[in-house]
Amino acid sequence: MADVRQTLTPQLLLSEGDTVLILIDLSEGKQRLGGSVLAQCFRQFGGTAADLDDPGLLTRFFKAQRALRERALLLAYHDRSDGGLFVTLAEMAFATRTGLEIQLPIGVSNVSAYLFSEELGAVLQVRREDLTSVQAICVEHGLGECQVIARPAAHGDVVIEHGGETLYRAPFIRLHRWWSELTYRMQSLRDDPSCALEAYDSLLDEEDPGLNASLTFELTDTGRTPRAQRPKVAILREQGVNSQREMAAAFDRAGFDAYDIHMTDLFSGRTSLNEFRGLVACGGFSYGDVLGAGEGWAKSILYNETVATSSRSTFDVTTASFLVSATVAR
């Protein structure tokens, strides 16, 4: 992606007028519940597990999504995964602090399976005026005519309707509290309990915008900082790492020459840390973001003699090199 500002997130854009949410189903209508969260809640296995039966369908989806993005037809995106379609939609409501009106298709016979199967798929927010164009591109790429399943609602409730009947209605704040309760309980054990409770209770404030930036100065694009010499800095990546492009842009504007370096580049000998005056480990979701992921990344360096030796010599205290660790996964 040439411009990281084109990144799509689950946060719905409410300033785009009349918008709708559409479902792209990559399961060809299957609603398998094996191993799903719903099945586990009822202490069941759930039968056959969700799967990708046609890999070509995923390829076509990627191409369709790229075509939609190039035409600026997409506003928000979230994948259907753990918890199924209902959790996907709820998380989009949480990210935006808004209600949703979910309208299930008439042909749905098993509501629970439709809402909670964890088959591959995605939910996209599009402008209603662009809906015909979006559906045409989906059909062109062999994805079928993607169904409209929801729209943002100012009333603050998450509503599920089917066949003219309201099946469920609850304030998004209540759902958000349920969704965040496990995190709150873990934080209460790990951190200051009063701080954990304060963060948890902040969800009750409908006007709370969440994380946001309020600049006290005029934002201008000053371009790259001029320097007679631009030190080379390695922006290090491993599986799952994110935000490396933004990090590279920051160093570029600060007067450095930033290079994208993957761990495989070091292991294979295609490049060496000796070539650089600085190293940045961006972190994010390296090694699946599991506990100890950062330690696993570090040991992949320490237990590789060539890379370990290069690291020690490059970042010895007697040199003018630097190392930055930016939110490396735990």
Protein backbone atom coordinates (compact mmCIF):
# COMPACT_ATOMS: atom_id res chain seq x y z
CA MET A 1 0.00 0.00 0.00
CA ALA A 2 1.52 3.30 -1.10
CA ASP A 3 -0.51 5.41 1.35
CA VAL A 4 -1.08 4.01 4.85
CA ARG A 5 -3.94 6.48 5.32
CA GLN A 6 -6.02 4.19 3.11
CA THR A 7 -5.96 1.50 5.79
CA LEU A 8 -9.41 0.16 6.66
CA THR A 9 -10.43 -0.46 10.28
CA PRO A 10 -13.57 -1.77 12.04
CA GLN A 11 -14.45 1.79 13.09
CA LEU A 12 -17.54 2.88 11.16
CA LEU A 13 -17.51 6.28 9.49
CA LEU A 14 -20.64 8.14 10.57
CA SER A 15 -19.84 11.31 8.61
CA GLU A 16 -20.46 9.71 5.20
CA GLY A 17 -24.24 10.06 5.15
CA ASP A 18 -26.46 7.01 4.59
CA THR A 19 -24.31 3.88 4.83
CA VAL A 20 -24.91 0.14 5.08
CA LEU A 21 -22.94 -2.93 6.12
CA ILE A 22 -22.65 -5.85 3.72
CA LEU A 23 -21.49 -9.41 4.33
CA ILE A 24 -19.06 -11.15 2.01
CA ASP A 25 -19.46 -14.85 2.75
CA LEU A 26 -16.48 -17.05 1.82
CA SER A 27 -18.12 -20.28 3.01
CA GLU A 28 -20.55 -20.58 0.08
CA GLY A 29 -23.48 -20.58 2.48
CA LYS A 30 -22.14 -23.11 4.98
CA GLN A 31 -22.68 -22.39 8.67
CA ARG A 32 -20.56 -24.99 10.46
CA LEU A 33 -20.30 -24.60 14.23
CA GLY A 34 -17.61 -27.13 15.16
CA GLY A 35 -15.16 -25.66 17.67
CA SER A 36 -16.99 -22.32 17.67
CA VAL A 37 -17.36 -20.10 20.71
CA LEU A 38 -21.11 -20.75 20.66
CA ALA A 39 -20.59 -24.52 20.82
CA GLN A 40 -18.08 -24.17 23.66
CA CYS A 41 -20.52 -22.02 25.65
CA PHE A 42 -22.92 -24.98 25.61
CA ARG A 43 -20.11 -27.47 26.37
CA GLN A 44 -20.43 -29.02 22.93
CA PHE A 45 -18.05 -29.62 20.06
CA GLY A 46 -20.54 -28.47 17.46
CA GLY A 47 -19.89 -30.97 14.68
CA THR A 48 -17.90 -30.04 11.57
CA ALA A 49 -15.58 -27.06 11.94
CA ALA A 50 -15.47 -24.05 9.65
CA ASP A 51 -13.00 -24.34 6.78
CA LEU A 52 -11.89 -22.81 3.49
CA ASP A 53 -13.21 -25.29 0.95
CA ASP A 54 -12.28 -23.22 -2.11
CA PRO A 55 -8.91 -21.41 -1.82
CA GLY A 56 -9.66 -19.64 -5.09
CA LEU A 57 -12.56 -17.89 -3.39
CA LEU A 58 -10.16 -16.24 -0.94
CA THR A 59 -7.98 -15.08 -3.84
CA ARG A 60 -10.98 -13.59 -5.62
CA PHE A 61 -12.04 -11.85 -2.42
CA PHE A 62 -8.60 -10.27 -2.07
CA LYS A 63 -8.75 -8.98 -5.64
CA ALA A 64 -12.29 -7.67 -5.18
CA GLN A 65 -11.37 -5.92 -1.94
CA ARG A 66 -8.40 -4.29 -3.65
CA ALA A 67 -10.59 -3.14 -6.55
CA LEU A 68 -13.13 -1.68 -4.14
CA ARG A 69 -10.46 0.14 -2.19
CA GLU A 70 -8.83 1.56 -5.32
CA ARG A 71 -12.22 3.06 -6.25
CA ALA A 72 -12.63 4.50 -2.73
CA LEU A 73 -15.84 2.50 -2.23
CA LEU A 74 -15.00 1.08 1.21
CA LEU A 75 -15.36 2.95 4.49
CA ALA A 76 -14.73 0.27 7.13
CA TYR A 77 -13.78 -3.41 7.26
CA HIS A 78 -13.84 -6.24 9.79
CA ASP A 79 -13.28 -9.95 9.30
CA ARG A 80 -15.69 -12.59 10.52
CA SER A 81 -13.78 -14.81 12.93
CA ASP A 82 -14.03 -15.69 16.65
CA GLY A 83 -17.64 -15.37 17.76
CA GLY A 84 -19.03 -15.24 14.24
CA LEU A 85 -21.00 -12.54 12.45
CA PHE A 86 -22.72 -11.13 15.53
CA VAL A 87 -19.43 -10.49 17.32
CA THR A 88 -17.99 -8.96 14.14
CA LEU A 89 -20.87 -6.49 13.96
CA ALA A 90 -20.83 -5.83 17.71
CA GLU A 91 -17.11 -5.03 17.64
CA MET A 92 -17.72 -2.51 14.86
CA ALA A 93 -20.40 -0.90 17.05
CA PHE A 94 -18.01 -0.84 20.03
CA ALA A 95 -15.23 0.76 17.98
CA THR A 96 -17.61 3.50 16.85
CA ARG A 97 -19.68 3.88 20.04
CA THR A 98 -22.91 3.59 18.10
CA GLY A 99 -25.93 1.37 17.72
CA LEU A 100 -26.63 -1.05 14.87
CA GLU A 101 -29.78 -2.31 13.21
CA ILE A 102 -29.11 -5.86 11.97
CA GLN A 103 -31.55 -7.27 9.43
CA LEU A 104 -31.18 -11.00 8.81
CA PRO A 105 -32.02 -12.22 5.28
CA ILE A 106 -35.45 -13.81 4.86
CA GLY A 107 -33.91 -17.11 3.80
CA VAL A 108 -32.07 -17.66 7.09
CA SER A 109 -33.53 -20.76 8.77
CA ASN A 110 -31.02 -21.27 11.59
CA VAL A 111 -30.50 -17.88 13.22
CA SER A 112 -27.92 -19.10 15.76
CA ALA A 113 -25.76 -20.72 13.09
CA TYR A 114 -26.01 -17.66 10.84
CA LEU A 115 -24.95 -15.29 13.61
CA PHE A 116 -22.32 -17.41 15.38
CA SER A 117 -20.68 -19.73 12.84
CA GLU A 118 -17.05 -18.74 12.39
CA GLU A 119 -16.81 -19.32 8.66
CA LEU A 120 -14.47 -17.06 6.70
CA GLY A 121 -15.95 -13.78 5.57
CA ALA A 122 -15.90 -10.03 6.03
CA VAL A 123 -18.23 -7.14 6.79
CA LEU A 124 -17.78 -3.95 4.78
CA GLN A 125 -19.26 -0.51 5.32
CA VAL A 126 -20.22 1.25 2.08
CA ARG A 127 -22.28 4.28 1.12
CA ARG A 128 -25.82 3.32 0.13
CA GLU A 129 -25.40 5.28 -3.09
CA ASP A 130 -22.39 3.07 -3.94
CA LEU A 131 -24.12 -0.22 -3.12
CA THR A 132 -24.93 -1.16 -6.72
CA SER A 133 -21.33 -0.54 -7.82
CA VAL A 134 -19.97 -2.55 -4.88
CA GLN A 135 -22.27 -5.50 -5.57
CA ALA A 136 -21.36 -5.43 -9.26
CA ILE A 137 -17.65 -5.70 -8.42
CA CYS A 138 -18.37 -8.58 -6.03
CA VAL A 139 -20.30 -10.42 -8.76
CA GLU A 140 -17.54 -9.68 -11.28
CA HIS A 141 -15.03 -11.41 -8.98
CA GLY A 142 -17.24 -14.43 -8.40
CA LEU A 143 -18.33 -13.56 -4.86
CA GLY A 144 -22.05 -13.40 -5.54
CA GLU A 145 -24.32 -10.47 -4.74
CA CYS A 146 -23.20 -9.54 -1.24
CA GLN A 147 -26.10 -9.01 1.14
CA VAL A 148 -26.89 -5.90 3.14
CA ILE A 149 -27.13 -7.04 6.75
CA ALA A 150 -26.98 -3.91 8.92
CA ARG A 151 -26.77 -0.16 9.16
CA PRO A 152 -25.52 2.23 11.87
CA ALA A 153 -28.20 3.52 14.24
CA ALA A 154 -28.10 6.69 16.31
CA HIS A 155 -30.37 5.27 19.04
CA GLY A 156 -27.47 3.40 20.66
CA ASP A 157 -29.00 -0.10 20.65
CA VAL A 158 -27.88 -3.22 18.82
CA VAL A 159 -31.06 -4.64 17.28
CA ILE A 160 -31.51 -7.95 15.46
CA GLU A 161 -34.59 -8.33 13.26
CA HIS A 162 -35.75 -11.25 11.13
CA GLY A 163 -38.91 -11.54 9.09
CA GLY A 164 -40.44 -8.42 10.61
CA GLU A 165 -39.81 -9.63 14.17
CA THR A 166 -37.35 -8.15 16.66
CA LEU A 167 -35.30 -11.06 18.00
CA TYR A 168 -32.95 -9.13 20.25
CA ARG A 169 -32.33 -5.58 21.42
CA ALA A 170 -29.73 -4.29 23.89
CA PRO A 171 -27.72 -1.08 24.41
CA PHE A 172 -24.29 -1.35 22.84
CA ILE A 173 -22.81 -0.17 26.16
CA ARG A 174 -24.19 -3.24 27.94
CA LEU A 175 -22.76 -5.53 25.27
CA HIS A 176 -19.45 -3.70 25.35
CA ARG A 177 -19.24 -4.20 29.13
CA TRP A 178 -19.89 -7.93 28.74
CA TRP A 179 -17.31 -8.11 25.97
CA SER A 180 -14.69 -6.31 28.12
CA GLU A 181 -15.40 -8.03 31.45
CA LEU A 182 -12.74 -10.72 31.11
CA THR A 183 -10.12 -8.09 30.25
CA TYR A 184 -11.19 -6.08 33.30
CA ARG A 185 -10.88 -9.08 35.61
CA MET A 186 -7.43 -9.94 34.27
CA GLN A 187 -6.29 -6.32 34.65
CA SER A 188 -7.61 -6.29 38.22
CA LEU A 189 -5.23 -9.13 39.06
CA ARG A 190 -2.28 -7.80 37.07
CA ASP A 191 -2.56 -4.03 37.61
CA ASP A 192 -3.91 -1.61 40.21
CA PRO A 193 -7.53 -2.81 40.73
CA SER A 194 -8.85 0.75 41.12
CA CYS A 195 -7.29 1.79 37.80
CA ALA A 196 -8.71 -1.30 36.10
CA LEU A 197 -12.18 -0.47 37.44
CA GLU A 198 -11.86 3.15 36.31
CA ALA A 199 -11.06 2.01 32.77
CA TYR A 200 -13.90 -0.51 32.83
CA ASP A 201 -16.42 2.05 34.09
CA SER A 202 -15.38 4.51 31.37
CA LEU A 203 -17.35 2.30 28.97
CA LEU A 204 -20.54 3.59 30.62
CA ASP A 205 -19.92 7.09 29.24
CA GLU A 206 -21.65 7.31 25.86
CA GLU A 207 -19.84 10.57 25.11
CA ASP A 208 -16.38 9.15 25.74
CA PRO A 209 -14.59 9.24 22.35
CA GLY A 210 -12.00 6.70 23.46
CA LEU A 211 -8.40 7.13 22.36
CA ASN A 212 -8.12 10.32 20.34
CA ALA A 213 -5.69 13.10 19.59
CA SER A 214 -6.36 16.76 20.33
CA LEU A 215 -3.54 18.80 18.81
CA THR A 216 -2.55 22.11 20.39
CA PHE A 217 -0.60 23.19 17.32
CA GLU A 218 -1.16 23.51 13.59
CA LEU A 219 -0.35 20.31 11.76
CA THR A 220 1.79 20.97 8.69
CA ASP A 221 3.67 18.64 6.39
CA THR A 222 7.25 19.84 6.57
CA GLY A 223 8.61 16.96 4.51
CA ARG A 224 11.97 15.34 5.15
CA THR A 225 14.41 16.92 7.58
CA PRO A 226 17.48 18.00 5.57
CA ARG A 227 20.74 16.37 6.68
CA ALA A 228 24.16 16.26 5.11
CA GLN A 229 24.30 12.58 6.01
CA ARG A 230 21.32 10.28 6.48
CA PRO A 231 22.19 7.38 8.83
CA LYS A 232 20.81 4.00 7.78
CA VAL A 233 18.25 2.51 10.17
CA ALA A 234 16.75 -0.99 9.95
CA ILE A 235 13.00 -1.27 10.53
CA LEU A 236 12.92 -4.89 11.71
CA ARG A 237 9.94 -7.15 11.01
CA GLU A 238 8.85 -10.60 12.09
CA GLN A 239 5.63 -12.51 11.45
CA GLY A 240 2.62 -10.50 12.63
CA VAL A 241 4.46 -7.21 13.15
CA ASN A 242 2.54 -4.09 12.17
CA SER A 243 2.96 -0.30 11.84
CA GLN A 244 6.37 -0.70 10.24
CA ARG A 245 5.44 1.68 7.41
CA GLU A 246 4.46 4.46 9.79
CA MET A 247 7.68 3.90 11.74
CA ALA A 248 9.75 4.06 8.55
CA ALA A 249 7.99 7.28 7.53
CA ALA A 250 8.76 8.86 10.90
CA PHE A 251 12.47 8.04 10.63
CA ASP A 252 12.55 9.19 7.01
CA ARG A 253 11.17 12.59 7.97
CA ALA A 254 13.55 12.82 10.93
CA GLY A 255 16.57 12.57 8.63
CA PHE A 256 17.30 8.84 8.41
CA ASP A 257 17.32 6.38 5.53
CA ALA A 258 14.90 3.65 6.64
CA TYR A 259 15.18 0.09 5.32
CA ASP A 260 12.56 -2.65 5.57
CA ILE A 261 14.37 -5.68 7.05
CA HIS A 262 12.62 -8.99 7.71
CA MET A 263 14.14 -11.56 10.05
CA THR A 264 14.51 -13.93 7.10
CA ASP A 265 16.81 -11.34 5.49
CA LEU A 266 19.14 -11.70 8.48
CA PHE A 267 18.88 -15.48 8.82
CA SER A 268 19.57 -16.05 5.11
CA GLY A 269 22.51 -13.64 5.04
CA ARG A 270 20.89 -11.36 2.44
CA THR A 271 21.72 -8.46 4.72
CA SER A 272 23.50 -7.81 8.01
CA LEU A 273 22.89 -5.47 10.92
CA ASN A 274 26.48 -4.28 10.50
CA GLU A 275 25.21 -2.15 7.61
CA PHE A 276 23.02 -0.02 9.90
CA ARG A 277 23.49 2.61 12.57
CA GLY A 278 20.14 1.90 14.20
CA LEU A 279 17.52 -0.79 14.64
CA VAL A 280 13.80 -0.47 15.40
CA ALA A 281 11.66 -3.46 16.45
CA CYS A 282 8.06 -2.39 15.89
CA GLY A 283 6.32 -5.29 17.61
CA GLY A 284 2.55 -5.42 17.45
CA PHE A 285 1.38 -9.00 17.06
CA SER A 286 4.65 -10.84 16.59
CA TYR A 287 4.44 -14.59 17.15
CA GLY A 288 0.67 -14.52 17.53
CA ASP A 289 0.76 -11.92 20.33
CA VAL A 290 0.85 -14.70 22.92
CA LEU A 291 2.48 -14.30 26.33
CA GLY A 292 6.23 -14.58 25.85
CA ALA A 293 6.10 -13.63 22.17
CA GLY A 294 8.74 -10.94 22.62
CA GLU A 295 11.02 -13.45 24.34
CA GLY A 296 10.53 -15.86 21.44
CA TRP A 297 11.55 -13.17 18.96
CA ALA A 298 14.63 -12.31 21.03
CA LYS A 299 15.73 -15.95 21.25
CA SER A 300 15.42 -16.38 17.49
CA ILE A 301 18.26 -13.83 17.37
CA LEU A 302 20.28 -15.08 20.35
CA TYR A 303 20.28 -18.69 19.12
CA ASN A 304 21.44 -17.76 15.63
CA GLU A 305 25.19 -17.34 15.94
CA THR A 306 25.63 -15.11 12.89
CA VAL A 307 22.80 -12.72 13.76
CA ALA A 308 23.66 -12.69 17.46
CA THR A 309 27.30 -11.80 16.75
CA SER A 310 26.25 -9.08 14.32
CA SER A 311 23.82 -7.65 16.89
CA ARG A 312 26.43 -7.51 19.63
CA SER A 313 29.05 -5.84 17.46
CA THR A 314 26.60 -3.37 15.92
CA PHE A 315 25.07 -2.21 19.19
CA ASP A 316 28.11 -2.33 21.43
CA VAL A 317 28.14 0.59 23.87
CA THR A 318 31.32 1.91 22.29
CA THR A 319 29.56 2.56 18.98
CA ALA A 320 27.23 5.41 18.08
CA SER A 321 24.41 3.03 17.19
CA PHE A 322 20.98 2.86 18.80
CA LEU A 323 18.22 0.33 19.38
CA VAL A 324 14.53 1.18 19.70
CA SER A 325 11.89 -1.30 20.85
CA ALA A 326 8.40 -0.01 20.05
CA THR A 327 5.63 -1.95 21.81
CA VAL A 328 7.15 -5.34 21.12
CA ALA A 329 4.57 -8.05 21.78
CA ARG A 330 4.68 -9.53 25.28
